[in-house]
Amino acid sequence: MLEHLDFHLLREREDHAATQGFAGGLALGILLGVVLTLVFAPRRGDETRAAVAQAAHEVKEKTTNLVTRGASSDEETDFGDAAAIEREVSVSGDADSSALP
């Protein structure tokens, strides 16, 4: 019985150490990622935020236009509408990627 308890205690210590090791590694990875991002950022922070905000605004406008066109249409959606939506999304994806480095 004593051997079983010692094994159980040993197993709990191993699990605890593994959890602490994972949490420490995760924290270290996050910290390293933040530091490397700041060191190797291609633009200043305000420029990056402006580019992201502009891209988000363009996506919002295009989405609103697509929804408005779909809501104003009394006809059933056919494959032509789906193709138009795919073209809009692919064009907006190209525009968004050009807005950011």
Protein backbone atom coordinates (compact mmCIF):
# COMPACT_ATOMS: atom_id res chain seq x y z
CA MET A 1 0.00 0.00 0.00
CA LEU A 2 2.85 2.37 0.83
CA GLU A 3 4.47 1.70 -2.54
CA HIS A 4 1.21 2.59 -4.30
CA LEU A 5 1.01 5.91 -2.45
CA ASP A 6 4.63 6.74 -3.25
CA PHE A 7 3.99 5.99 -6.92
CA HIS A 8 0.89 8.18 -6.87
CA LEU A 9 2.80 11.04 -5.22
CA LEU A 10 5.64 10.66 -7.72
CA ARG A 11 3.16 10.72 -10.61
CA GLU A 12 1.54 13.92 -9.25
CA ARG A 13 4.96 15.59 -8.99
CA GLU A 14 5.81 14.62 -12.58
CA ASP A 15 2.48 15.96 -13.84
CA HIS A 16 2.98 19.21 -11.92
CA ALA A 17 6.50 19.63 -13.29
CA ALA A 18 5.31 18.93 -16.84
CA THR A 19 2.56 21.52 -16.48
CA GLN A 20 4.98 24.12 -15.15
CA GLY A 21 7.41 23.35 -17.96
CA PHE A 22 4.70 23.81 -20.57
CA ALA A 23 3.47 27.05 -19.04
CA GLY A 24 7.03 28.39 -18.78
CA GLY A 25 7.76 27.44 -22.39
CA LEU A 26 4.54 29.05 -23.56
CA ALA A 27 5.31 32.27 -21.69
CA LEU A 28 8.86 32.31 -23.04
CA GLY A 29 7.58 31.73 -26.59
CA ILE A 30 5.08 34.57 -26.33
CA LEU A 31 7.72 36.92 -24.94
CA LEU A 32 10.18 35.96 -27.67
CA GLY A 33 7.51 36.44 -30.34
CA VAL A 34 6.67 39.92 -29.07
CA VAL A 35 10.32 40.96 -28.95
CA LEU A 36 11.06 39.63 -32.45
CA THR A 37 7.93 41.30 -33.82
CA LEU A 38 9.01 44.63 -32.40
CA VAL A 39 12.56 44.26 -33.68
CA PHE A 40 11.67 43.14 -37.21
CA ALA A 41 8.48 45.15 -37.80
CA PRO A 42 8.60 46.59 -41.34
CA ARG A 43 6.71 49.74 -40.36
CA ARG A 44 6.20 51.92 -37.35
CA GLY A 45 3.28 51.03 -35.11
CA ASP A 46 1.04 53.91 -36.17
CA GLU A 47 1.64 53.11 -39.86
CA THR A 48 0.79 49.43 -39.32
CA ARG A 49 -2.37 50.29 -37.37
CA ALA A 50 -3.46 52.69 -40.13
CA ALA A 51 -2.91 50.04 -42.83
CA VAL A 52 -4.86 47.43 -40.84
CA ALA A 53 -7.68 49.92 -40.17
CA GLN A 54 -7.86 50.85 -43.87
CA ALA A 55 -7.98 47.20 -44.94
CA ALA A 56 -10.69 46.45 -42.37
CA HIS A 57 -12.71 49.45 -43.54
CA GLU A 58 -12.50 48.30 -47.19
CA VAL A 59 -13.61 44.77 -46.26
CA LYS A 60 -16.51 46.21 -44.26
CA GLU A 61 -17.64 48.39 -47.19
CA LYS A 62 -17.45 45.53 -49.68
CA THR A 63 -19.32 43.21 -47.34
CA THR A 64 -22.02 45.83 -46.75
CA ASN A 65 -22.39 46.35 -50.50
CA LEU A 66 -22.69 42.62 -51.12
CA VAL A 67 -25.30 42.21 -48.39
CA THR A 68 -27.24 45.25 -49.59
CA ARG A 69 -27.27 43.94 -53.17
CA GLY A 70 -28.43 40.54 -51.92
CA ALA A 71 -31.16 42.02 -49.70
CA SER A 72 -32.49 44.32 -52.45
CA SER A 73 -32.79 41.46 -54.91
CA ASP A 74 -36.24 39.81 -54.98
CA GLU A 75 -35.01 37.01 -57.19
CA GLU A 76 -33.67 33.74 -55.92
CA THR A 77 -29.89 33.50 -55.68
CA ASP A 78 -28.38 31.64 -58.60
CA PHE A 79 -24.84 30.58 -59.38
CA GLY A 80 -24.15 33.90 -61.10
CA ASP A 81 -24.52 35.70 -57.75
CA ALA A 82 -22.21 33.20 -56.07
CA ALA A 83 -19.59 33.79 -58.75
CA ALA A 84 -19.92 37.56 -58.29
CA ILE A 85 -19.42 37.18 -54.54
CA GLU A 86 -16.34 35.03 -55.10
CA ARG A 87 -14.90 37.64 -57.46
CA GLU A 88 -15.53 40.41 -54.91
CA VAL A 89 -13.92 38.41 -52.13
CA SER A 90 -10.88 37.53 -54.25
CA VAL A 91 -10.47 41.16 -55.33
CA SER A 92 -10.76 42.36 -51.73
CA GLY A 93 -8.22 39.73 -50.66
CA ASP A 94 -5.76 41.05 -53.25
CA ALA A 95 -6.37 44.65 -52.15
CA ASP A 96 -5.97 43.76 -48.49
CA SER A 97 -2.67 42.00 -49.06
CA SER A 98 -1.32 45.00 -50.96
CA ALA A 99 -2.25 47.33 -48.11
CA LEU A 100 0.02 45.44 -45.74
CA PRO A 101 3.68 44.61 -46.33
